[in-house]
Each structure stands twice: as C-alpha cells, then as structure tokens.
C-alpha cells in the first residue's frame, strides 16, 4: 500500500508530500490526475518556475526516471535494493514475514512492502532525532499500513505544522534517493502530489523543501551519490 503523506486539501502549500501522517502518510491517490499526454507539458511548466540551479538539477534527475511503478521481477529487485540501502545506512529491518504493526515500530522497518515505501521510511529515520527513532512511526502518527492506529496516535509528539514539514522533507528525500538508485522517482513525485498547485506554489514549495534538506547535508549531489553507493554508513 502507498505510504500516503498527509495533507490539508484546502492549502496549496500543504501538498500530499508535506502533510502529517494523521491523514495519509504517502498519498493514496493523485489529487489532480494528469493525463499521460499532458505530463510533459506539466513538467515543463514546473521546471520553468524553478530559478535556483540546484533545484533545477534535482528536478531534472527526478524527471529522468520513469513515471510508472515497476512491476513483477523489477519491482522485487527495487525492493531488495531499497532494503540493501537501508542496511548500508544502519537502519534495522524486520525479517520477512514478521508483519509488524507499524512501518517503523521503534526498533526496525517493515521490509515486506514496496521499495519507495522503504526509502521513505529510511528518510524519516534520517530526519528524526534519536529520541523519536524509538517511537512507533517516528512519533508522527499512523500511516495507512499501521495496524495499531491507537498506539501510533498516542505516540505523536510533534505539533501539526512540524509534522507537515517533516513529511514534506521525508517525501522529497525518498524521491531523490529513488532517482539516485535508478528507481521510478517520477512515479513517486506524481503519486505524492508534488505537482498539486502547479500554477501557484508547487515549484516554490519544492525549492524550499530541497533547501531545508540541503541545510541538513542530505540533498546535495555529492551526498545523494554517496548515499546510493557507499557500502556502510549510518545516517545521523
């Protein structure tokens, strides 16, 4: 299941990528579907609104990937690559078939899910301080795969606006890692509604979230390449 991100439908800036988990941890549906024949034009419009060179480069890397999810053997390969990525960065993963009650139960990830969900949760691990890494769903509230929703709600520690900001950062960081790994980052970019508000604030929002990740040393070209390739390095 998609790890849908939370949003408030009445806010241009609260894209699905920026909304807290109390509603939908990575978007379960594209809010404004874009027909395939209109996608290139929409992406060009988005790019034209980005003036910062680094943001334009990051968006170009996302656009160089496929707009559809992998399926079959390729999807399984992507999942295994995502699990290896988590392991390289010191993120524990539950054994297959464990069926934990949460995507992240405070000790390890649920690895029996799609590659992009795994990378999104690794992004949350990277962003969360040590104290929140010990909380179910990182103290952000339940996602759609959460079975013990009451426990996840009790574990919430951040106010709404801070959860929105962290969800946006985790969404974009996971997407950038997908691009670095050669996985369909553009599919996640669309699914997580980064084009919502295309004619208003979408590109500005993207640039601002990317800048926050860069200030944390997580989204420059060198760090993304290192994250994708380095044999062993714990995210701090």
C-alpha atoms as a PDB file:
ATOM      1  CA  UNK A   1       0.000   0.000   0.000  1.00  0.00           C
ATOM      2  CA  UNK A   2       1.198   3.518  -0.677  1.00  0.00           C
ATOM      3  CA  UNK A   3       2.591   5.190   2.426  1.00  0.00           C
ATOM      4  CA  UNK A   4       0.489   8.253   1.670  1.00  0.00           C
ATOM      5  CA  UNK A   5       1.564  11.599   3.084  1.00  0.00           C
ATOM      6  CA  UNK A   6      -0.862  13.767   4.998  1.00  0.00           C
ATOM      7  CA  UNK A   7      -2.314  16.937   3.574  1.00  0.00           C
ATOM      8  CA  UNK A   8      -4.957  19.578   4.115  1.00  0.00           C
ATOM      9  CA  UNK A   9      -6.921  19.749   0.879  1.00  0.00           C
ATOM     10  CA  UNK A  10      -7.577  23.463   1.188  1.00  0.00           C
ATOM     11  CA  UNK A  11      -3.909  24.544   1.229  1.00  0.00           C
ATOM     12  CA  UNK A  12      -1.721  24.986  -1.853  1.00  0.00           C
ATOM     13  CA  UNK A  13       1.438  24.591   0.200  1.00  0.00           C
ATOM     14  CA  UNK A  14       0.289  21.561   2.155  1.00  0.00           C
ATOM     15  CA  UNK A  15       0.973  19.161  -0.665  1.00  0.00           C
ATOM     16  CA  UNK A  16       0.490  15.470  -0.006  1.00  0.00           C
ATOM     17  CA  UNK A  17       4.239  15.461   0.419  1.00  0.00           C
ATOM     18  CA  UNK A  18       4.004  17.897   3.319  1.00  0.00           C
ATOM     19  CA  UNK A  19       1.150  16.665   5.418  1.00  0.00           C
ATOM     20  CA  UNK A  20       1.194  14.822   8.694  1.00  0.00           C
ATOM     21  CA  UNK A  21       0.512  11.129   8.986  1.00  0.00           C
ATOM     22  CA  UNK A  22      -2.768  11.532  10.786  1.00  0.00           C
ATOM     23  CA  UNK A  23      -4.494  11.528   7.384  1.00  0.00           C
ATOM     24  CA  UNK A  24      -2.397   9.708   4.782  1.00  0.00           C
ATOM     25  CA  UNK A  25       1.382   9.073   5.162  1.00  0.00           C
ATOM     26  CA  UNK A  26       2.329   8.946   1.384  1.00  0.00           C
ATOM     27  CA  UNK A  27      -0.576   9.921  -0.820  1.00  0.00           C
ATOM     28  CA  UNK A  28      -3.027   7.112  -1.532  1.00  0.00           C
ATOM     29  CA  UNK A  29      -4.142   8.820  -4.721  1.00  0.00           C
ATOM     30  CA  UNK A  30      -3.101  11.608  -7.031  1.00  0.00           C
ATOM     31  CA  UNK A  31      -5.303  14.552  -6.078  1.00  0.00           C
ATOM     32  CA  UNK A  32      -5.360  16.024  -9.581  1.00  0.00           C
ATOM     33  CA  UNK A  33      -4.505  13.281 -12.088  1.00  0.00           C
ATOM     34  CA  UNK A  34      -2.546  14.461 -15.128  1.00  0.00           C
ATOM     35  CA  UNK A  35      -3.272  12.587 -18.379  1.00  0.00           C
ATOM     36  CA  UNK A  36      -0.133  10.999 -19.791  1.00  0.00           C
ATOM     37  CA  UNK A  37      -0.296  13.147 -22.918  1.00  0.00           C
ATOM     38  CA  UNK A  38      -0.236  16.291 -20.734  1.00  0.00           C
ATOM     39  CA  UNK A  39       2.528  15.161 -18.394  1.00  0.00           C
ATOM     40  CA  UNK A  40       5.466  16.533 -20.381  1.00  0.00           C
ATOM     41  CA  UNK A  41       3.858  19.956 -20.541  1.00  0.00           C
ATOM     42  CA  UNK A  42       3.114  19.934 -16.805  1.00  0.00           C
ATOM     43  CA  UNK A  43       6.706  19.006 -16.005  1.00  0.00           C
ATOM     44  CA  UNK A  44       7.985  21.733 -18.325  1.00  0.00           C
ATOM     45  CA  UNK A  45       5.732  24.265 -16.576  1.00  0.00           C
ATOM     46  CA  UNK A  46       7.040  23.164 -13.189  1.00  0.00           C
ATOM     47  CA  UNK A  47      10.665  23.391 -14.375  1.00  0.00           C
ATOM     48  CA  UNK A  48      10.114  26.870 -15.806  1.00  0.00           C
ATOM     49  CA  UNK A  49       9.109  28.093 -12.347  1.00  0.00           C
ATOM     50  CA  UNK A  50      12.335  26.882 -10.705  1.00  0.00           C
ATOM     51  CA  UNK A  51      15.077  29.509 -10.802  1.00  0.00           C
ATOM     52  CA  UNK A  52      17.596  28.021  -8.370  1.00  0.00           C
ATOM     53  CA  UNK A  53      20.157  25.937 -10.318  1.00  0.00           C
ATOM     54  CA  UNK A  54      20.486  23.171  -7.742  1.00  0.00           C
ATOM     55  CA  UNK A  55      16.730  22.729  -7.558  1.00  0.00           C
ATOM     56  CA  UNK A  56      16.525  22.613 -11.353  1.00  0.00           C
ATOM     57  CA  UNK A  57      19.221  19.917 -11.388  1.00  0.00           C
ATOM     58  CA  UNK A  58      17.427  17.874  -8.724  1.00  0.00           C
ATOM     59  CA  UNK A  59      14.154  18.116 -10.605  1.00  0.00           C
ATOM     60  CA  UNK A  60      15.924  17.059 -13.794  1.00  0.00           C
ATOM     61  CA  UNK A  61      17.225  13.932 -12.060  1.00  0.00           C
ATOM     62  CA  UNK A  62      13.702  13.059 -10.958  1.00  0.00           C
ATOM     63  CA  UNK A  63      12.314  13.645 -14.452  1.00  0.00           C
ATOM     64  CA  UNK A  64      14.945  11.346 -15.949  1.00  0.00           C
ATOM     65  CA  UNK A  65      13.227   8.374 -14.289  1.00  0.00           C
ATOM     66  CA  UNK A  66      10.046   6.507 -15.194  1.00  0.00           C
ATOM     67  CA  UNK A  67       6.581   7.889 -14.351  1.00  0.00           C
ATOM     68  CA  UNK A  68       5.170   4.399 -13.702  1.00  0.00           C
ATOM     69  CA  UNK A  69       5.857   1.965 -10.882  1.00  0.00           C
ATOM     70  CA  UNK A  70       7.952  -1.097 -11.608  1.00  0.00           C
ATOM     71  CA  UNK A  71       6.141  -4.428 -11.587  1.00  0.00           C
ATOM     72  CA  UNK A  72       6.992  -8.090 -11.237  1.00  0.00           C
ATOM     73  CA  UNK A  73      10.654  -9.060 -11.075  1.00  0.00           C
ATOM     74  CA  UNK A  74      11.815  -5.473 -11.480  1.00  0.00           C
ATOM     75  CA  UNK A  75       9.714  -4.309  -8.519  1.00  0.00           C
ATOM     76  CA  UNK A  76      11.223  -7.091  -6.392  1.00  0.00           C
ATOM     77  CA  UNK A  77      14.706  -6.053  -7.496  1.00  0.00           C
ATOM     78  CA  UNK A  78      13.942  -2.476  -6.484  1.00  0.00           C
ATOM     79  CA  UNK A  79      12.655  -3.670  -3.115  1.00  0.00           C
ATOM     80  CA  UNK A  80      15.829  -5.638  -2.484  1.00  0.00           C
ATOM     81  CA  UNK A  81      17.938  -2.641  -3.492  1.00  0.00           C
ATOM     82  CA  UNK A  82      15.942  -0.468  -1.078  1.00  0.00           C
ATOM     83  CA  UNK A  83      16.478  -2.982   1.732  1.00  0.00           C
ATOM     84  CA  UNK A  84      20.192  -3.036   0.976  1.00  0.00           C
ATOM     85  CA  UNK A  85      20.161   0.761   1.041  1.00  0.00           C
ATOM     86  CA  UNK A  86      18.526   0.704   4.483  1.00  0.00           C
ATOM     87  CA  UNK A  87      21.125  -1.751   5.714  1.00  0.00           C
ATOM     88  CA  UNK A  88      24.023   0.334   4.377  1.00  0.00           C
ATOM     89  CA  UNK A  89      22.731   3.258   6.388  1.00  0.00           C
ATOM     90  CA  UNK A  90      22.329   1.442   9.671  1.00  0.00           C
ATOM     91  CA  UNK A  91      18.543   1.132   9.573  1.00  0.00           C
ATOM     92  CA  UNK A  92      17.345  -2.204  11.050  1.00  0.00           C
ATOM     93  CA  UNK A  93      14.776  -4.216   9.080  1.00  0.00           C
ATOM     94  CA  UNK A  94      12.460  -6.917  10.418  1.00  0.00           C
ATOM     95  CA  UNK A  95      12.869 -10.433   8.967  1.00  0.00           C
ATOM     96  CA  UNK A  96      10.478 -11.357   6.139  1.00  0.00           C
ATOM     97  CA  UNK A  97       7.038 -12.424   7.316  1.00  0.00           C
ATOM     98  CA  UNK A  98       7.252 -10.582  10.652  1.00  0.00           C
ATOM     99  CA  UNK A  99       4.161  -8.468   9.968  1.00  0.00           C
ATOM    100  CA  UNK A 100       4.919  -5.707  12.479  1.00  0.00           C
ATOM    101  CA  UNK A 101       2.042  -3.428  13.433  1.00  0.00           C
ATOM    102  CA  UNK A 102       3.830  -0.345  12.058  1.00  0.00           C
ATOM    103  CA  UNK A 103       6.037   0.638   9.108  1.00  0.00           C
ATOM    104  CA  UNK A 104       8.546   1.566  11.836  1.00  0.00           C
ATOM    105  CA  UNK A 105       7.883   0.108  15.287  1.00  0.00           C
ATOM    106  CA  UNK A 106      10.618   1.972  17.132  1.00  0.00           C
ATOM    107  CA  UNK A 107      13.199  -0.751  16.507  1.00  0.00           C
ATOM    108  CA  UNK A 108      13.079  -1.790  12.828  1.00  0.00           C
ATOM    109  CA  UNK A 109      11.393  -1.268   9.460  1.00  0.00           C
ATOM    110  CA  UNK A 110       8.772  -3.489   7.911  1.00  0.00           C
ATOM    111  CA  UNK A 111      10.625  -4.770   4.846  1.00  0.00           C
ATOM    112  CA  UNK A 112       7.624  -6.555   3.317  1.00  0.00           C
ATOM    113  CA  UNK A 113       6.493  -3.532   1.334  1.00  0.00           C
ATOM    114  CA  UNK A 114       7.336  -1.587  -1.832  1.00  0.00           C
ATOM    115  CA  UNK A 115      10.770  -0.087  -2.480  1.00  0.00           C
ATOM    116  CA  UNK A 116       9.574   3.501  -2.380  1.00  0.00           C
ATOM    117  CA  UNK A 117       7.863   2.936   0.978  1.00  0.00           C
ATOM    118  CA  UNK A 118      11.108   1.555   2.399  1.00  0.00           C
ATOM    119  CA  UNK A 119      13.103   4.539   1.116  1.00  0.00           C
ATOM    120  CA  UNK A 120      10.508   6.935   2.511  1.00  0.00           C
ATOM    121  CA  UNK A 121      10.823   5.335   5.946  1.00  0.00           C
ATOM    122  CA  UNK A 122      14.623   5.447   5.751  1.00  0.00           C
ATOM    123  CA  UNK A 123      14.231   9.164   5.028  1.00  0.00           C
ATOM    124  CA  UNK A 124      12.149   9.527   8.192  1.00  0.00           C
ATOM    125  CA  UNK A 125      14.884   7.703  10.102  1.00  0.00           C
ATOM    126  CA  UNK A 126      17.461  10.136   8.726  1.00  0.00           C
ATOM    127  CA  UNK A 127      15.363  13.153   9.694  1.00  0.00           C
ATOM    128  CA  UNK A 128      14.207  12.034  13.138  1.00  0.00           C
ATOM    129  CA  UNK A 129      16.308  12.812  16.211  1.00  0.00           C
ATOM    130  CA  UNK A 130      17.439   9.847  18.291  1.00  0.00           C
ATOM    131  CA  UNK A 131      14.582  10.191  20.782  1.00  0.00           C
ATOM    132  CA  UNK A 132      11.903   9.882  18.102  1.00  0.00           C
ATOM    133  CA  UNK A 133      13.593   6.925  16.419  1.00  0.00           C
ATOM    134  CA  UNK A 134      12.450   4.930  19.428  1.00  0.00           C
ATOM    135  CA  UNK A 135       8.784   5.809  18.816  1.00  0.00           C
ATOM    136  CA  UNK A 136       6.368   3.924  16.579  1.00  0.00           C
ATOM    137  CA  UNK A 137       6.029   5.633  13.198  1.00  0.00           C
ATOM    138  CA  UNK A 138       8.653   8.127  14.435  1.00  0.00           C
ATOM    139  CA  UNK A 139       6.076   9.885  16.598  1.00  0.00           C
ATOM    140  CA  UNK A 140       4.298  11.249  13.508  1.00  0.00           C
ATOM    141  CA  UNK A 141       1.060   9.288  13.750  1.00  0.00           C
ATOM    142  CA  UNK A 142      -0.284   6.275  11.840  1.00  0.00           C
ATOM    143  CA  UNK A 143       0.192   5.592   8.156  1.00  0.00           C
ATOM    144  CA  UNK A 144      -2.182   3.507   6.032  1.00  0.00           C
ATOM    145  CA  UNK A 145      -0.244   0.305   6.793  1.00  0.00           C
ATOM    146  CA  UNK A 146      -0.375   0.899  10.551  1.00  0.00           C
ATOM    147  CA  UNK A 147      -2.473  -1.783  12.227  1.00  0.00           C
ATOM    148  CA  UNK A 148      -2.300  -0.461  15.798  1.00  0.00           C
ATOM    149  CA  UNK A 149      -3.510   3.016  14.964  1.00  0.00           C
ATOM    150  CA  UNK A 150      -4.355   3.908  18.545  1.00  0.00           C
ATOM    151  CA  UNK A 151      -0.769   3.254  19.658  1.00  0.00           C
ATOM    152  CA  UNK A 152       0.581   5.359  16.797  1.00  0.00           C
ATOM    153  CA  UNK A 153      -1.762   8.217  17.702  1.00  0.00           C
ATOM    154  CA  UNK A 154      -0.632   8.071  21.342  1.00  0.00           C
ATOM    155  CA  UNK A 155       2.997   8.261  20.210  1.00  0.00           C
ATOM    156  CA  UNK A 156       2.536  11.573  18.330  1.00  0.00           C
ATOM    157  CA  UNK A 157       4.954  14.142  19.729  1.00  0.00           C
ATOM    158  CA  UNK A 158       5.085  16.957  17.172  1.00  0.00           C
ATOM    159  CA  UNK A 159       2.536  19.706  16.509  1.00  0.00           C
ATOM    160  CA  UNK A 160       0.765  19.680  13.173  1.00  0.00           C
ATOM    161  CA  UNK A 161       2.944  22.192  11.315  1.00  0.00           C
ATOM    162  CA  UNK A 162       6.157  20.430  12.308  1.00  0.00           C
ATOM    163  CA  UNK A 163       4.718  17.096  11.166  1.00  0.00           C
ATOM    164  CA  UNK A 164       3.760  18.668   7.838  1.00  0.00           C
ATOM    165  CA  UNK A 165       7.288  19.991   7.351  1.00  0.00           C
ATOM    166  CA  UNK A 166       8.924  16.671   8.191  1.00  0.00           C
ATOM    167  CA  UNK A 167       6.565  14.725   5.936  1.00  0.00           C
ATOM    168  CA  UNK A 168       7.495  17.007   3.041  1.00  0.00           C
ATOM    169  CA  UNK A 169      11.187  16.525   3.715  1.00  0.00           C
ATOM    170  CA  UNK A 170      10.855  12.733   4.003  1.00  0.00           C
ATOM    171  CA  UNK A 171       8.819  12.597   0.802  1.00  0.00           C
ATOM    172  CA  UNK A 172      11.330  14.566  -1.229  1.00  0.00           C
ATOM    173  CA  UNK A 173      14.377  12.858   0.263  1.00  0.00           C
ATOM    174  CA  UNK A 174      12.927   9.435  -0.510  1.00  0.00           C
ATOM    175  CA  UNK A 175      12.203  10.546  -4.072  1.00  0.00           C
ATOM    176  CA  UNK A 176      15.750  11.859  -4.527  1.00  0.00           C
ATOM    177  CA  UNK A 177      17.123   8.556  -3.255  1.00  0.00           C
ATOM    178  CA  UNK A 178      14.891   6.705  -5.716  1.00  0.00           C
ATOM    179  CA  UNK A 179      16.389   8.787  -8.519  1.00  0.00           C
ATOM    180  CA  UNK A 180      19.930   8.117  -7.275  1.00  0.00           C
ATOM    181  CA  UNK A 181      19.190   4.373  -7.241  1.00  0.00           C
ATOM    182  CA  UNK A 182      17.702   4.438 -10.750  1.00  0.00           C
ATOM    183  CA  UNK A 183      14.199   3.676  -9.497  1.00  0.00           C
ATOM    184  CA  UNK A 184      10.988   5.381 -10.746  1.00  0.00           C
ATOM    185  CA  UNK A 185      11.280   8.571  -8.711  1.00  0.00           C
ATOM    186  CA  UNK A 186       8.960  10.424 -11.067  1.00  0.00           C
ATOM    187  CA  UNK A 187       6.178   7.971 -10.225  1.00  0.00           C
ATOM    188  CA  UNK A 188       6.571   8.869  -6.544  1.00  0.00           C
ATOM    189  CA  UNK A 189       6.800  12.574  -7.375  1.00  0.00           C
ATOM    190  CA  UNK A 190       3.420  12.321  -9.096  1.00  0.00           C
ATOM    191  CA  UNK A 191       1.813   9.973  -6.571  1.00  0.00           C
ATOM    192  CA  UNK A 192       2.857  12.181  -3.679  1.00  0.00           C
ATOM    193  CA  UNK A 193       1.261  15.192  -5.355  1.00  0.00           C
ATOM    194  CA  UNK A 194       4.287  17.436  -5.813  1.00  0.00           C
ATOM    195  CA  UNK A 195       2.584  18.903  -8.895  1.00  0.00           C
ATOM    196  CA  UNK A 196      -0.519  19.876  -6.914  1.00  0.00           C
ATOM    197  CA  UNK A 197      -0.827  23.653  -7.080  1.00  0.00           C
ATOM    198  CA  UNK A 198       1.225  23.677 -10.289  1.00  0.00           C
ATOM    199  CA  UNK A 199       0.064  27.134 -11.306  1.00  0.00           C
ATOM    200  CA  UNK A 200       0.543  28.555  -7.816  1.00  0.00           C
ATOM    201  CA  UNK A 201       3.059  27.336  -5.246  1.00  0.00           C
ATOM    202  CA  UNK A 202       4.224  23.848  -6.214  1.00  0.00           C
ATOM    203  CA  UNK A 203       7.655  24.782  -7.556  1.00  0.00           C
ATOM    204  CA  UNK A 204       8.287  27.240  -4.727  1.00  0.00           C
ATOM    205  CA  UNK A 205       7.376  24.558  -2.212  1.00  0.00           C
ATOM    206  CA  UNK A 206       9.713  22.050  -3.889  1.00  0.00           C
ATOM    207  CA  UNK A 207      12.603  24.517  -3.851  1.00  0.00           C
ATOM    208  CA  UNK A 208      12.033  25.417  -0.198  1.00  0.00           C
ATOM    209  CA  UNK A 209      11.877  21.790   0.966  1.00  0.00           C
ATOM    210  CA  UNK A 210      15.001  20.929  -1.023  1.00  0.00           C
ATOM    211  CA  UNK A 211      16.811  23.872   0.584  1.00  0.00           C
ATOM    212  CA  UNK A 212      15.929  22.555   4.048  1.00  0.00           C
ATOM    213  CA  UNK A 213      17.314  19.135   3.160  1.00  0.00           C
ATOM    214  CA  UNK A 214      20.496  20.712   1.861  1.00  0.00           C
ATOM    215  CA  UNK A 215      20.984  22.654   5.061  1.00  0.00           C
ATOM    216  CA  UNK A 216      20.943  19.293   6.817  1.00  0.00           C
ATOM    217  CA  UNK A 217      23.514  17.904   4.374  1.00  0.00           C
ATOM    218  CA  UNK A 218      21.081  15.378   2.922  1.00  0.00           C
ATOM    219  CA  UNK A 219      20.286  16.545  -0.593  1.00  0.00           C
ATOM    220  CA  UNK A 220      23.332  17.907  -2.382  1.00  0.00           C
ATOM    221  CA  UNK A 221      24.535  15.923  -5.389  1.00  0.00           C
ATOM    222  CA  UNK A 222      27.557  14.502  -3.567  1.00  0.00           C
ATOM    223  CA  UNK A 223      25.569  13.266  -0.565  1.00  0.00           C
ATOM    224  CA  UNK A 224      22.906  11.666  -2.769  1.00  0.00           C
ATOM    225  CA  UNK A 225      25.531   9.841  -4.806  1.00  0.00           C
ATOM    226  CA  UNK A 226      27.304   8.744  -1.628  1.00  0.00           C
ATOM    227  CA  UNK A 227      24.040   7.576  -0.080  1.00  0.00           C
ATOM    228  CA  UNK A 228      23.261   5.417  -3.094  1.00  0.00           C
ATOM    229  CA  UNK A 229      26.695   3.839  -3.373  1.00  0.00           C
ATOM    230  CA  UNK A 230      28.567   3.855  -0.062  1.00  0.00           C
ATOM    231  CA  UNK A 231      28.978   0.349   1.400  1.00  0.00           C
ATOM    232  CA  UNK A 232      28.314   1.177   5.054  1.00  0.00           C
ATOM    233  CA  UNK A 233      27.448   4.462   6.695  1.00  0.00           C
ATOM    234  CA  UNK A 234      24.956   5.135   9.457  1.00  0.00           C
ATOM    235  CA  UNK A 235      22.669   8.117   8.922  1.00  0.00           C
ATOM    236  CA  UNK A 236      22.833  10.562  11.825  1.00  0.00           C
END
